[in-house]
Amino acid sequence: MPFPHSQPGPAAPLSRASLVIGLYSAMAIVALLIAAGRGNPDLYRLGDLPHWLLLGGPAIGAAVGLAVVVLTRLAARHFEWARDLNTSFRQLLGPLTGREILILALASSIGEELLFRGALLPWLGVWWQALVFALLHVGPKKRFLPWTASAFVLGAAFGELAIRTGNLGGPIAAHFMINFLNLRFIVGPLGDPLGSSREGPLGTTARAERLSAD
């Protein structure tokens, strides 16, 4: 018989990593249910294309992801809206450990690609699944609109990549590369990883105060 003082206390709150894994696991389950209802539970392969694409798809996707990351860096360097968007994400996400960034990037790339490109793409087509994907990326304020618009463009691009390679290896690799590298960039250790040298040491504080007032 346990002593009174050994009674279990309240359960510890779930970590952010656990919540992320749970969310994207639920997406994967929904994708499997949709695919099973369609009579084709194979979410990874979308067609009978050459077998080399099963290996070549991820390599192509990684290259596409790196190209998108370069474009986001250029946007952050040259456009105020891009710097404001990244500062908003930095405030919204808060500090993230390297492990949390890896889990978030991996879970989101697999879960979202299984659902949107694996399950919805054969059903809705490229543009409608991209629209649904964009609606999942609507932010709390209008300054997040570029994020929603870019999600629509990337959703269509990932859809085309899946069709042309015949599998989800390319979209998953591209999605992971974009999320992993951009998250590290946004929540990096520097005060403002988005061109602070252009604005001086007070640029981040002033912009953050303006964004919080919106």
N, C-alpha and C. Protein backbone atom coordinates (compact mmCIF):
# COMPACT_ATOMS: atom_id res chain seq x y z
N MET A 1 0.86 -1.20 0.00
CA MET A 1 0.00 0.00 0.00
C MET A 1 0.89 1.24 0.00
N PRO A 2 0.69 2.18 -0.95
CA PRO A 2 1.57 3.35 -1.02
C PRO A 2 1.34 4.30 0.13
N PHE A 3 2.39 4.98 0.54
CA PHE A 3 2.28 5.99 1.58
C PHE A 3 1.54 7.20 1.03
N PRO A 4 0.89 7.98 1.89
CA PRO A 4 0.12 9.14 1.42
C PRO A 4 0.96 10.11 0.59
N HIS A 5 2.23 10.31 1.04
CA HIS A 5 3.02 11.31 0.33
C HIS A 5 3.51 10.81 -1.02
N SER A 6 3.26 9.53 -1.33
CA SER A 6 3.72 9.00 -2.61
C SER A 6 2.63 9.02 -3.68
N GLN A 7 1.49 9.65 -3.38
CA GLN A 7 0.42 9.72 -4.36
C GLN A 7 0.88 10.53 -5.57
N PRO A 8 0.54 10.10 -6.79
CA PRO A 8 1.01 10.82 -7.98
C PRO A 8 0.42 12.22 -8.05
N GLY A 9 1.22 13.18 -8.50
CA GLY A 9 0.75 14.54 -8.66
C GLY A 9 0.11 14.73 -10.01
N PRO A 10 -0.21 15.97 -10.36
CA PRO A 10 -0.82 16.24 -11.66
C PRO A 10 0.15 15.89 -12.79
N ALA A 11 -0.42 15.46 -13.90
CA ALA A 11 0.40 15.06 -15.04
C ALA A 11 1.13 16.27 -15.60
N ALA A 12 2.37 16.03 -16.02
CA ALA A 12 3.15 17.11 -16.62
C ALA A 12 2.56 17.51 -17.96
N PRO A 13 2.61 18.81 -18.29
CA PRO A 13 2.06 19.24 -19.58
C PRO A 13 2.86 18.65 -20.73
N LEU A 14 2.19 18.45 -21.85
CA LEU A 14 2.86 17.91 -23.02
C LEU A 14 3.88 18.92 -23.55
N SER A 15 5.01 18.43 -24.01
CA SER A 15 6.01 19.30 -24.60
C SER A 15 5.55 19.75 -25.98
N ARG A 16 6.20 20.80 -26.48
CA ARG A 16 5.86 21.28 -27.82
C ARG A 16 6.15 20.20 -28.86
N ALA A 17 7.23 19.45 -28.64
CA ALA A 17 7.56 18.38 -29.59
C ALA A 17 6.46 17.33 -29.64
N SER A 18 5.90 16.99 -28.47
CA SER A 18 4.82 16.00 -28.43
C SER A 18 3.58 16.51 -29.15
N LEU A 19 3.26 17.80 -28.96
CA LEU A 19 2.10 18.37 -29.63
C LEU A 19 2.28 18.40 -31.14
N VAL A 20 3.49 18.74 -31.58
CA VAL A 20 3.77 18.78 -33.02
C VAL A 20 3.65 17.38 -33.62
N ILE A 21 4.24 16.40 -32.96
CA ILE A 21 4.16 15.03 -33.47
C ILE A 21 2.72 14.55 -33.50
N GLY A 22 1.95 14.89 -32.47
CA GLY A 22 0.54 14.49 -32.44
C GLY A 22 -0.26 15.12 -33.56
N LEU A 23 -0.04 16.42 -33.81
CA LEU A 23 -0.78 17.13 -34.85
C LEU A 23 -0.52 16.52 -36.22
N TYR A 24 0.75 16.34 -36.55
CA TYR A 24 1.07 15.87 -37.90
C TYR A 24 0.85 14.37 -38.05
N SER A 25 0.87 13.64 -36.94
CA SER A 25 0.46 12.23 -37.01
C SER A 25 -1.02 12.13 -37.34
N ALA A 26 -1.81 13.05 -36.76
CA ALA A 26 -3.25 13.08 -37.09
C ALA A 26 -3.46 13.37 -38.56
N MET A 27 -2.66 14.28 -39.13
CA MET A 27 -2.76 14.56 -40.57
C MET A 27 -2.46 13.30 -41.38
N ALA A 28 -1.42 12.57 -40.97
CA ALA A 28 -1.06 11.36 -41.69
C ALA A 28 -2.17 10.32 -41.62
N ILE A 29 -2.81 10.21 -40.47
CA ILE A 29 -3.91 9.26 -40.31
C ILE A 29 -5.08 9.65 -41.22
N VAL A 30 -5.42 10.94 -41.26
CA VAL A 30 -6.48 11.42 -42.15
C VAL A 30 -6.13 11.10 -43.61
N ALA A 31 -4.86 11.29 -43.96
CA ALA A 31 -4.43 10.99 -45.33
C ALA A 31 -4.61 9.50 -45.64
N LEU A 32 -4.25 8.65 -44.71
CA LEU A 32 -4.41 7.21 -44.92
C LEU A 32 -5.88 6.83 -45.06
N LEU A 33 -6.73 7.46 -44.27
CA LEU A 33 -8.16 7.17 -44.37
C LEU A 33 -8.72 7.60 -45.72
N ILE A 34 -8.31 8.78 -46.19
CA ILE A 34 -8.77 9.25 -47.50
C ILE A 34 -8.29 8.31 -48.60
N ALA A 35 -7.01 7.92 -48.53
CA ALA A 35 -6.46 7.03 -49.55
C ALA A 35 -7.13 5.66 -49.52
N ALA A 36 -7.39 5.16 -48.31
CA ALA A 36 -8.06 3.86 -48.20
C ALA A 36 -9.48 3.93 -48.75
N GLY A 37 -10.17 5.03 -48.47
CA GLY A 37 -11.52 5.19 -49.00
C GLY A 37 -11.54 5.31 -50.51
N ARG A 38 -10.43 5.78 -51.08
CA ARG A 38 -10.31 5.90 -52.53
C ARG A 38 -9.91 4.58 -53.16
N GLY A 39 -9.54 3.60 -52.32
CA GLY A 39 -9.16 2.29 -52.82
C GLY A 39 -7.70 2.15 -53.19
N ASN A 40 -6.88 3.15 -52.85
CA ASN A 40 -5.44 3.08 -53.15
C ASN A 40 -4.66 3.59 -51.94
N PRO A 41 -4.32 2.71 -51.00
CA PRO A 41 -3.68 3.16 -49.77
C PRO A 41 -2.22 3.56 -49.92
N ASP A 42 -1.62 3.38 -51.10
CA ASP A 42 -0.23 3.76 -51.32
C ASP A 42 -0.14 5.26 -51.55
N LEU A 43 0.23 5.99 -50.50
CA LEU A 43 0.30 7.45 -50.59
C LEU A 43 1.60 7.94 -51.22
N TYR A 44 2.63 7.12 -51.16
CA TYR A 44 3.95 7.60 -51.58
C TYR A 44 4.10 7.63 -53.09
N ARG A 45 3.63 6.60 -53.76
CA ARG A 45 3.79 6.53 -55.21
C ARG A 45 2.52 7.03 -55.90
N LEU A 46 2.72 7.90 -56.88
CA LEU A 46 1.58 8.49 -57.59
C LEU A 46 1.45 7.98 -59.02
N GLY A 47 2.36 7.15 -59.46
CA GLY A 47 2.28 6.67 -60.83
C GLY A 47 3.36 5.65 -61.12
N ASP A 48 3.31 5.08 -62.29
CA ASP A 48 4.27 4.05 -62.70
C ASP A 48 5.37 4.69 -63.54
N LEU A 49 6.16 5.52 -62.91
CA LEU A 49 7.28 6.16 -63.58
C LEU A 49 8.56 5.37 -63.31
N PRO A 50 9.67 5.68 -63.99
CA PRO A 50 10.91 4.93 -63.81
C PRO A 50 11.33 4.82 -62.34
N HIS A 51 11.90 3.64 -62.00
CA HIS A 51 12.25 3.39 -60.61
C HIS A 51 13.34 4.34 -60.10
N TRP A 52 14.18 4.86 -61.01
CA TRP A 52 15.25 5.74 -60.55
C TRP A 52 14.70 7.00 -59.90
N LEU A 53 13.46 7.34 -60.26
CA LEU A 53 12.86 8.54 -59.68
C LEU A 53 12.54 8.35 -58.20
N LEU A 54 12.43 7.10 -57.74
CA LEU A 54 12.20 6.86 -56.32
C LEU A 54 13.38 7.37 -55.50
N LEU A 55 14.57 7.30 -56.07
CA LEU A 55 15.76 7.85 -55.42
C LEU A 55 16.06 9.26 -55.91
N GLY A 56 15.81 9.50 -57.19
CA GLY A 56 16.10 10.82 -57.74
C GLY A 56 15.14 11.89 -57.27
N GLY A 57 13.89 11.49 -56.95
CA GLY A 57 12.90 12.46 -56.48
C GLY A 57 13.36 13.26 -55.27
N PRO A 58 13.84 12.60 -54.19
CA PRO A 58 14.31 13.36 -53.04
C PRO A 58 15.47 14.29 -53.36
N ALA A 59 16.37 13.87 -54.25
CA ALA A 59 17.49 14.74 -54.62
C ALA A 59 16.99 15.98 -55.36
N ILE A 60 16.04 15.77 -56.28
CA ILE A 60 15.46 16.91 -56.99
C ILE A 60 14.74 17.83 -56.01
N GLY A 61 14.00 17.23 -55.08
CA GLY A 61 13.28 18.02 -54.09
C GLY A 61 14.20 18.83 -53.21
N ALA A 62 15.33 18.23 -52.80
CA ALA A 62 16.29 18.96 -51.96
C ALA A 62 16.84 20.17 -52.70
N ALA A 63 17.10 20.01 -54.01
CA ALA A 63 17.59 21.13 -54.82
C ALA A 63 16.53 22.23 -54.92
N VAL A 64 15.28 21.83 -55.12
CA VAL A 64 14.19 22.80 -55.18
C VAL A 64 14.06 23.54 -53.85
N GLY A 65 14.14 22.79 -52.76
CA GLY A 65 14.05 23.41 -51.44
C GLY A 65 15.15 24.42 -51.20
N LEU A 66 16.38 24.09 -51.58
CA LEU A 66 17.49 25.03 -51.42
C LEU A 66 17.28 26.29 -52.25
N ALA A 67 16.74 26.12 -53.46
CA ALA A 67 16.47 27.29 -54.30
C ALA A 67 15.45 28.20 -53.65
N VAL A 68 14.40 27.62 -53.05
CA VAL A 68 13.39 28.43 -52.37
C VAL A 68 13.99 29.14 -51.17
N VAL A 69 14.85 28.47 -50.43
CA VAL A 69 15.50 29.09 -49.27
C VAL A 69 16.34 30.29 -49.71
N VAL A 70 17.07 30.15 -50.81
CA VAL A 70 17.86 31.28 -51.32
C VAL A 70 16.94 32.45 -51.65
N LEU A 71 15.79 32.17 -52.26
CA LEU A 71 14.86 33.24 -52.59
C LEU A 71 14.32 33.93 -51.33
N THR A 72 14.06 33.15 -50.28
CA THR A 72 13.57 33.77 -49.04
C THR A 72 14.64 34.65 -48.40
N ARG A 73 15.91 34.24 -48.52
CA ARG A 73 17.00 35.06 -48.00
C ARG A 73 17.09 36.38 -48.77
N LEU A 74 16.96 36.30 -50.09
CA LEU A 74 17.01 37.51 -50.90
C LEU A 74 15.84 38.43 -50.58
N ALA A 75 14.66 37.82 -50.38
CA ALA A 75 13.50 38.65 -50.03
C ALA A 75 13.71 39.35 -48.70
N ALA A 76 14.27 38.62 -47.71
CA ALA A 76 14.51 39.23 -46.40
C ALA A 76 15.56 40.33 -46.48
N ARG A 77 16.46 40.24 -47.43
CA ARG A 77 17.49 41.26 -47.57
C ARG A 77 16.96 42.53 -48.25
N HIS A 78 16.00 42.37 -49.16
CA HIS A 78 15.62 43.49 -50.01
C HIS A 78 14.23 44.06 -49.74
N PHE A 79 13.36 43.31 -49.02
CA PHE A 79 11.99 43.76 -48.85
C PHE A 79 11.60 43.86 -47.37
N GLU A 80 11.00 44.98 -47.03
CA GLU A 80 10.58 45.21 -45.65
C GLU A 80 9.52 44.22 -45.22
N TRP A 81 8.57 43.88 -46.12
CA TRP A 81 7.50 42.96 -45.73
C TRP A 81 8.06 41.59 -45.36
N ALA A 82 9.14 41.17 -46.02
CA ALA A 82 9.74 39.88 -45.71
C ALA A 82 10.42 39.92 -44.35
N ARG A 83 11.10 41.02 -44.04
CA ARG A 83 11.73 41.15 -42.73
C ARG A 83 10.68 41.21 -41.63
N ASP A 84 9.59 41.95 -41.87
CA ASP A 84 8.51 42.02 -40.88
C ASP A 84 7.87 40.65 -40.66
N LEU A 85 7.69 39.89 -41.74
CA LEU A 85 7.10 38.56 -41.62
C LEU A 85 7.98 37.66 -40.77
N ASN A 86 9.26 37.68 -41.00
CA ASN A 86 10.15 36.82 -40.23
C ASN A 86 10.26 37.25 -38.78
N THR A 87 10.22 38.56 -38.54
CA THR A 87 10.20 39.04 -37.16
C THR A 87 8.92 38.60 -36.45
N SER A 88 7.79 38.63 -37.16
CA SER A 88 6.53 38.17 -36.59
C SER A 88 6.60 36.69 -36.23
N PHE A 89 7.19 35.89 -37.10
CA PHE A 89 7.34 34.47 -36.80
C PHE A 89 8.26 34.25 -35.61
N ARG A 90 9.30 35.05 -35.52
CA ARG A 90 10.22 34.93 -34.39
C ARG A 90 9.48 35.19 -33.08
N GLN A 91 8.64 36.22 -33.07
CA GLN A 91 7.86 36.52 -31.87
C GLN A 91 6.83 35.44 -31.59
N LEU A 92 6.20 34.91 -32.64
CA LEU A 92 5.15 33.92 -32.49
C LEU A 92 5.69 32.58 -31.99
N LEU A 93 6.82 32.16 -32.53
CA LEU A 93 7.38 30.86 -32.19
C LEU A 93 8.13 30.86 -30.88
N GLY A 94 8.77 31.99 -30.55
CA GLY A 94 9.59 32.01 -29.37
C GLY A 94 10.85 31.20 -29.59
N PRO A 95 11.63 30.96 -28.53
CA PRO A 95 12.87 30.19 -28.70
C PRO A 95 12.57 28.73 -29.01
N LEU A 96 13.33 28.17 -29.93
CA LEU A 96 13.22 26.77 -30.29
C LEU A 96 14.60 26.13 -30.19
N THR A 97 14.67 24.94 -29.62
CA THR A 97 15.93 24.21 -29.59
C THR A 97 16.18 23.57 -30.96
N GLY A 98 17.41 23.16 -31.18
CA GLY A 98 17.72 22.47 -32.43
C GLY A 98 16.89 21.21 -32.60
N ARG A 99 16.63 20.51 -31.50
CA ARG A 99 15.81 19.30 -31.56
C ARG A 99 14.38 19.62 -31.95
N GLU A 100 13.83 20.71 -31.39
CA GLU A 100 12.46 21.10 -31.73
C GLU A 100 12.35 21.52 -33.19
N ILE A 101 13.35 22.22 -33.70
CA ILE A 101 13.34 22.63 -35.10
C ILE A 101 13.36 21.40 -36.00
N LEU A 102 14.20 20.43 -35.68
CA LEU A 102 14.29 19.21 -36.49
C LEU A 102 12.97 18.45 -36.47
N ILE A 103 12.37 18.31 -35.29
CA ILE A 103 11.10 17.58 -35.18
C ILE A 103 10.00 18.31 -35.93
N LEU A 104 9.92 19.63 -35.78
CA LEU A 104 8.89 20.40 -36.45
C LEU A 104 9.04 20.31 -37.97
N ALA A 105 10.27 20.45 -38.46
CA ALA A 105 10.49 20.39 -39.91
C ALA A 105 10.19 19.01 -40.46
N LEU A 106 10.62 17.97 -39.75
CA LEU A 106 10.41 16.60 -40.24
C LEU A 106 8.94 16.21 -40.18
N ALA A 107 8.30 16.50 -39.03
CA ALA A 107 6.90 16.11 -38.87
C ALA A 107 6.00 16.87 -39.84
N SER A 108 6.24 18.16 -40.02
CA SER A 108 5.38 18.95 -40.91
C SER A 108 5.56 18.53 -42.36
N SER A 109 6.80 18.26 -42.76
CA SER A 109 7.03 17.88 -44.15
C SER A 109 6.38 16.54 -44.48
N ILE A 110 6.47 15.59 -43.57
CA ILE A 110 5.88 14.27 -43.82
C ILE A 110 4.36 14.34 -43.70
N GLY A 111 3.86 14.91 -42.61
CA GLY A 111 2.42 14.94 -42.38
C GLY A 111 1.67 15.72 -43.44
N GLU A 112 2.16 16.91 -43.78
CA GLU A 112 1.46 17.74 -44.76
C GLU A 112 1.57 17.16 -46.17
N GLU A 113 2.72 16.60 -46.52
CA GLU A 113 2.84 16.04 -47.86
C GLU A 113 1.99 14.78 -48.03
N LEU A 114 1.90 13.95 -47.00
CA LEU A 114 1.03 12.78 -47.08
C LEU A 114 -0.42 13.20 -47.30
N LEU A 115 -0.84 14.25 -46.58
CA LEU A 115 -2.23 14.68 -46.69
C LEU A 115 -2.50 15.41 -48.00
N PHE A 116 -1.70 16.43 -48.32
CA PHE A 116 -2.04 17.29 -49.45
C PHE A 116 -1.60 16.71 -50.78
N ARG A 117 -0.36 16.27 -50.88
CA ARG A 117 0.10 15.73 -52.15
C ARG A 117 -0.19 14.24 -52.28
N GLY A 118 -0.20 13.49 -51.18
CA GLY A 118 -0.47 12.07 -51.25
C GLY A 118 -1.94 11.73 -51.37
N ALA A 119 -2.78 12.36 -50.52
CA ALA A 119 -4.20 12.03 -50.48
C ALA A 119 -5.07 12.97 -51.31
N LEU A 120 -4.83 14.28 -51.21
CA LEU A 120 -5.72 15.25 -51.85
C LEU A 120 -5.37 15.55 -53.30
N LEU A 121 -4.09 15.48 -53.65
CA LEU A 121 -3.69 15.80 -55.03
C LEU A 121 -4.38 14.91 -56.07
N PRO A 122 -4.39 13.57 -55.92
CA PRO A 122 -5.08 12.75 -56.92
C PRO A 122 -6.58 12.98 -56.95
N TRP A 123 -7.13 13.49 -55.88
CA TRP A 123 -8.57 13.70 -55.76
C TRP A 123 -8.98 15.09 -56.26
N LEU A 124 -8.26 16.13 -55.83
CA LEU A 124 -8.65 17.51 -56.13
C LEU A 124 -7.89 18.13 -57.29
N GLY A 125 -6.72 17.60 -57.62
CA GLY A 125 -5.89 18.21 -58.64
C GLY A 125 -4.92 19.21 -58.02
N VAL A 126 -4.02 19.72 -58.85
CA VAL A 126 -2.93 20.57 -58.36
C VAL A 126 -3.43 21.84 -57.70
N TRP A 127 -4.34 22.57 -58.37
CA TRP A 127 -4.68 23.91 -57.91
C TRP A 127 -5.60 23.90 -56.70
N TRP A 128 -6.55 22.98 -56.66
CA TRP A 128 -7.45 22.95 -55.51
C TRP A 128 -6.75 22.47 -54.25
N GLN A 129 -5.87 21.48 -54.37
CA GLN A 129 -5.14 21.05 -53.17
C GLN A 129 -4.20 22.15 -52.70
N ALA A 130 -3.65 22.92 -53.65
CA ALA A 130 -2.80 24.05 -53.27
C ALA A 130 -3.59 25.11 -52.53
N LEU A 131 -4.85 25.33 -52.94
CA LEU A 131 -5.70 26.29 -52.27
C LEU A 131 -6.00 25.85 -50.84
N VAL A 132 -6.33 24.58 -50.67
CA VAL A 132 -6.59 24.07 -49.32
C VAL A 132 -5.33 24.18 -48.47
N PHE A 133 -4.19 23.87 -49.07
CA PHE A 133 -2.91 23.99 -48.37
C PHE A 133 -2.67 25.44 -47.92
N ALA A 134 -2.97 26.39 -48.79
CA ALA A 134 -2.79 27.80 -48.45
C ALA A 134 -3.72 28.22 -47.31
N LEU A 135 -4.96 27.71 -47.33
CA LEU A 135 -5.90 28.07 -46.27
C LEU A 135 -5.45 27.55 -44.91
N LEU A 136 -4.66 26.49 -44.90
CA LEU A 136 -4.10 25.99 -43.65
C LEU A 136 -3.00 26.91 -43.13
N HIS A 137 -2.51 27.79 -43.99
CA HIS A 137 -1.41 28.69 -43.63
C HIS A 137 -1.88 30.15 -43.58
N VAL A 138 -3.04 30.36 -43.03
CA VAL A 138 -3.55 31.72 -42.82
C VAL A 138 -3.12 32.19 -41.44
N GLY A 139 -2.43 33.32 -41.38
CA GLY A 139 -1.94 33.83 -40.11
C GLY A 139 -2.96 34.67 -39.38
N PRO A 140 -2.63 35.07 -38.13
CA PRO A 140 -3.59 35.81 -37.32
C PRO A 140 -3.81 37.26 -37.76
N LYS A 141 -2.87 37.84 -38.52
CA LYS A 141 -3.01 39.23 -38.94
C LYS A 141 -2.60 39.36 -40.41
N LYS A 142 -2.92 40.52 -40.98
CA LYS A 142 -2.71 40.70 -42.42
C LYS A 142 -1.24 40.66 -42.81
N ARG A 143 -0.32 40.90 -41.87
CA ARG A 143 1.09 40.84 -42.23
C ARG A 143 1.55 39.43 -42.56
N PHE A 144 0.70 38.43 -42.24
CA PHE A 144 1.01 37.04 -42.60
C PHE A 144 0.51 36.66 -43.99
N LEU A 145 -0.13 37.60 -44.70
CA LEU A 145 -0.66 37.28 -46.04
C LEU A 145 0.42 36.79 -47.01
N PRO A 146 1.64 37.34 -46.99
CA PRO A 146 2.67 36.79 -47.89
C PRO A 146 2.96 35.32 -47.61
N TRP A 147 2.85 34.91 -46.35
CA TRP A 147 3.04 33.50 -45.99
C TRP A 147 1.95 32.64 -46.63
N THR A 148 0.70 33.12 -46.59
CA THR A 148 -0.40 32.39 -47.21
C THR A 148 -0.23 32.30 -48.71
N ALA A 149 0.15 33.43 -49.33
CA ALA A 149 0.35 33.43 -50.78
C ALA A 149 1.49 32.49 -51.18
N SER A 150 2.58 32.52 -50.42
CA SER A 150 3.71 31.63 -50.75
C SER A 150 3.32 30.17 -50.54
N ALA A 151 2.45 29.89 -49.57
CA ALA A 151 1.99 28.52 -49.36
C ALA A 151 1.20 28.02 -50.56
N PHE A 152 0.41 28.89 -51.16
CA PHE A 152 -0.34 28.50 -52.36
C PHE A 152 0.62 28.18 -53.52
N VAL A 153 1.61 29.04 -53.73
CA VAL A 153 2.57 28.82 -54.81
C VAL A 153 3.36 27.53 -54.56
N LEU A 154 3.82 27.35 -53.33
CA LEU A 154 4.60 26.16 -53.02
C LEU A 154 3.73 24.91 -53.07
N GLY A 155 2.47 25.03 -52.65
CA GLY A 155 1.57 23.87 -52.73
C GLY A 155 1.40 23.40 -54.17
N ALA A 156 1.26 24.35 -55.09
CA ALA A 156 1.15 23.99 -56.51
C ALA A 156 2.46 23.42 -57.02
N ALA A 157 3.59 24.03 -56.61
CA ALA A 157 4.90 23.53 -57.05
C ALA A 157 5.17 22.13 -56.52
N PHE A 158 4.84 21.89 -55.27
CA PHE A 158 5.02 20.55 -54.70
C PHE A 158 4.12 19.53 -55.40
N GLY A 159 2.92 19.97 -55.78
CA GLY A 159 2.02 19.08 -56.50
C GLY A 159 2.59 18.69 -57.86
N GLU A 160 3.11 19.68 -58.59
CA GLU A 160 3.73 19.39 -59.89
C GLU A 160 4.95 18.50 -59.72
N LEU A 161 5.73 18.75 -58.68
CA LEU A 161 6.91 17.93 -58.43
C LEU A 161 6.53 16.49 -58.15
N ALA A 162 5.47 16.30 -57.37
CA ALA A 162 5.01 14.94 -57.07
C ALA A 162 4.54 14.23 -58.34
N ILE A 163 3.83 14.95 -59.20
CA ILE A 163 3.33 14.34 -60.44
C ILE A 163 4.48 13.97 -61.37
N ARG A 164 5.44 14.87 -61.51
CA ARG A 164 6.52 14.65 -62.47
C ARG A 164 7.50 13.58 -62.01
N THR A 165 7.68 13.42 -60.69
CA THR A 165 8.58 12.38 -60.19
C THR A 165 7.83 11.10 -59.84
N GLY A 166 6.51 11.17 -59.75
CA GLY A 166 5.71 9.99 -59.48
C GLY A 166 5.72 9.51 -58.06
N ASN A 167 6.25 10.32 -57.13
CA ASN A 167 6.27 9.92 -55.72
C ASN A 167 6.41 11.17 -54.85
N LEU A 168 6.29 10.96 -53.55
CA LEU A 168 6.33 12.08 -52.61
C LEU A 168 7.72 12.39 -52.09
N GLY A 169 8.74 11.64 -52.56
CA GLY A 169 10.10 11.90 -52.08
C GLY A 169 10.55 13.32 -52.34
N GLY A 170 10.26 13.82 -53.54
CA GLY A 170 10.67 15.18 -53.89
C GLY A 170 9.98 16.24 -53.04
N PRO A 171 8.63 16.23 -52.96
CA PRO A 171 7.96 17.23 -52.13
C PRO A 171 8.35 17.16 -50.65
N ILE A 172 8.52 15.96 -50.12
CA ILE A 172 8.90 15.84 -48.71
C ILE A 172 10.29 16.44 -48.48
N ALA A 173 11.24 16.12 -49.38
CA ALA A 173 12.59 16.66 -49.23
C ALA A 173 12.61 18.17 -49.36
N ALA A 174 11.87 18.71 -50.35
CA ALA A 174 11.82 20.16 -50.53
C ALA A 174 11.18 20.84 -49.33
N HIS A 175 10.07 20.29 -48.87
CA HIS A 175 9.34 20.84 -47.73
C HIS A 175 10.22 20.84 -46.49
N PHE A 176 10.91 19.72 -46.24
CA PHE A 176 11.79 19.64 -45.07
C PHE A 176 12.92 20.65 -45.16
N MET A 177 13.56 20.76 -46.33
CA MET A 177 14.68 21.68 -46.49
C MET A 177 14.25 23.11 -46.21
N ILE A 178 13.09 23.50 -46.74
CA ILE A 178 12.60 24.87 -46.55
C ILE A 178 12.30 25.14 -45.08
N ASN A 179 11.53 24.24 -44.45
CA ASN A 179 11.15 24.46 -43.06
C ASN A 179 12.35 24.43 -42.12
N PHE A 180 13.23 23.46 -42.32
CA PHE A 180 14.37 23.31 -41.41
C PHE A 180 15.31 24.51 -41.48
N LEU A 181 15.71 24.89 -42.69
CA LEU A 181 16.66 25.98 -42.83
C LEU A 181 16.04 27.33 -42.47
N ASN A 182 14.78 27.54 -42.85
CA ASN A 182 14.15 28.83 -42.54
C ASN A 182 13.85 28.97 -41.05
N LEU A 183 13.47 27.88 -40.39
CA LEU A 183 13.26 27.96 -38.94
C LEU A 183 14.57 28.28 -38.22
N ARG A 184 15.65 27.65 -38.63
CA ARG A 184 16.95 27.96 -38.02
C ARG A 184 17.32 29.42 -38.27
N PHE A 185 16.98 29.91 -39.42
CA PHE A 185 17.29 31.30 -39.77
C PHE A 185 16.46 32.28 -38.95
N ILE A 186 15.17 31.98 -38.80
CA ILE A 186 14.25 32.89 -38.12
C ILE A 186 14.53 32.97 -36.62
N VAL A 187 14.72 31.82 -35.97
CA VAL A 187 14.88 31.80 -34.51
C VAL A 187 16.34 31.62 -34.11
N GLY A 188 17.24 32.02 -35.01
CA GLY A 188 18.66 31.88 -34.74
C GLY A 188 19.11 32.73 -33.56
N PRO A 189 20.34 32.53 -33.11
CA PRO A 189 20.82 33.20 -31.90
C PRO A 189 21.04 34.69 -32.05
N LEU A 190 21.17 35.19 -33.29
CA LEU A 190 21.37 36.63 -33.47
C LEU A 190 20.11 37.39 -33.13
N GLY A 191 20.26 38.63 -32.68
CA GLY A 191 19.11 39.42 -32.32
C GLY A 191 18.14 39.60 -33.46
N ASP A 192 18.66 39.83 -34.64
CA ASP A 192 17.82 39.94 -35.84
C ASP A 192 18.56 39.25 -36.97
N PRO A 193 18.19 37.97 -37.28
CA PRO A 193 18.90 37.24 -38.31
C PRO A 193 18.52 37.67 -39.71
N LEU A 194 17.74 38.74 -39.84
CA LEU A 194 17.21 39.10 -41.15
C LEU A 194 17.72 40.46 -41.61
N GLY A 195 19.02 40.59 -41.58
CA GLY A 195 19.58 41.81 -42.14
C GLY A 195 19.74 42.92 -41.14
N SER A 196 20.11 42.61 -39.88
CA SER A 196 20.27 43.66 -38.88
C SER A 196 21.37 44.64 -39.27
N SER A 197 22.34 44.15 -40.07
CA SER A 197 23.42 45.05 -40.47
C SER A 197 22.90 46.20 -41.33
N ARG A 198 21.75 46.02 -41.94
CA ARG A 198 21.17 47.07 -42.78
C ARG A 198 20.47 48.14 -41.95
N GLU A 199 20.00 47.76 -40.75
CA GLU A 199 19.19 48.68 -39.97
C GLU A 199 19.88 49.16 -38.71
N GLY A 200 21.00 48.53 -38.33
CA GLY A 200 21.65 48.91 -37.11
C GLY A 200 21.09 48.16 -35.93
N PRO A 201 21.69 48.29 -34.74
CA PRO A 201 21.30 47.50 -33.57
C PRO A 201 19.90 47.79 -33.07
N LEU A 202 19.32 48.93 -33.43
CA LEU A 202 17.99 49.25 -32.95
C LEU A 202 16.90 48.83 -33.92
N GLY A 203 17.27 48.28 -35.08
CA GLY A 203 16.28 47.95 -36.10
C GLY A 203 15.29 46.93 -35.64
N THR A 204 15.75 45.88 -34.96
CA THR A 204 14.85 44.81 -34.53
C THR A 204 13.86 45.31 -33.49
N THR A 205 14.36 46.06 -32.49
CA THR A 205 13.48 46.55 -31.43
C THR A 205 12.40 47.45 -31.99
N ALA A 206 12.80 48.38 -32.84
CA ALA A 206 11.81 49.31 -33.39
C ALA A 206 10.78 48.58 -34.22
N ARG A 207 11.23 47.63 -35.03
CA ARG A 207 10.27 46.90 -35.88
C ARG A 207 9.35 46.02 -35.03
N ALA A 208 9.91 45.40 -33.99
CA ALA A 208 9.08 44.56 -33.13
C ALA A 208 8.02 45.37 -32.42
N GLU A 209 8.39 46.59 -31.97
CA GLU A 209 7.40 47.43 -31.31
C GLU A 209 6.31 47.83 -32.28
N ARG A 210 6.67 48.10 -33.54
CA ARG A 210 5.66 48.48 -34.52
C ARG A 210 4.73 47.32 -34.83
N LEU A 211 5.29 46.12 -34.94
CA LEU A 211 4.47 44.94 -35.24
C LEU A 211 3.52 44.62 -34.10
N SER A 212 4.00 44.76 -32.86
CA SER A 212 3.13 44.45 -31.72
C SER A 212 2.00 45.44 -31.60
N ALA A 213 2.16 46.61 -32.19
CA ALA A 213 1.10 47.62 -32.14
C ALA A 213 0.07 47.42 -33.23
N ASP A 214 0.37 46.60 -34.24
CA ASP A 214 -0.57 46.39 -35.35
C ASP A 214 -1.83 45.71 -34.88
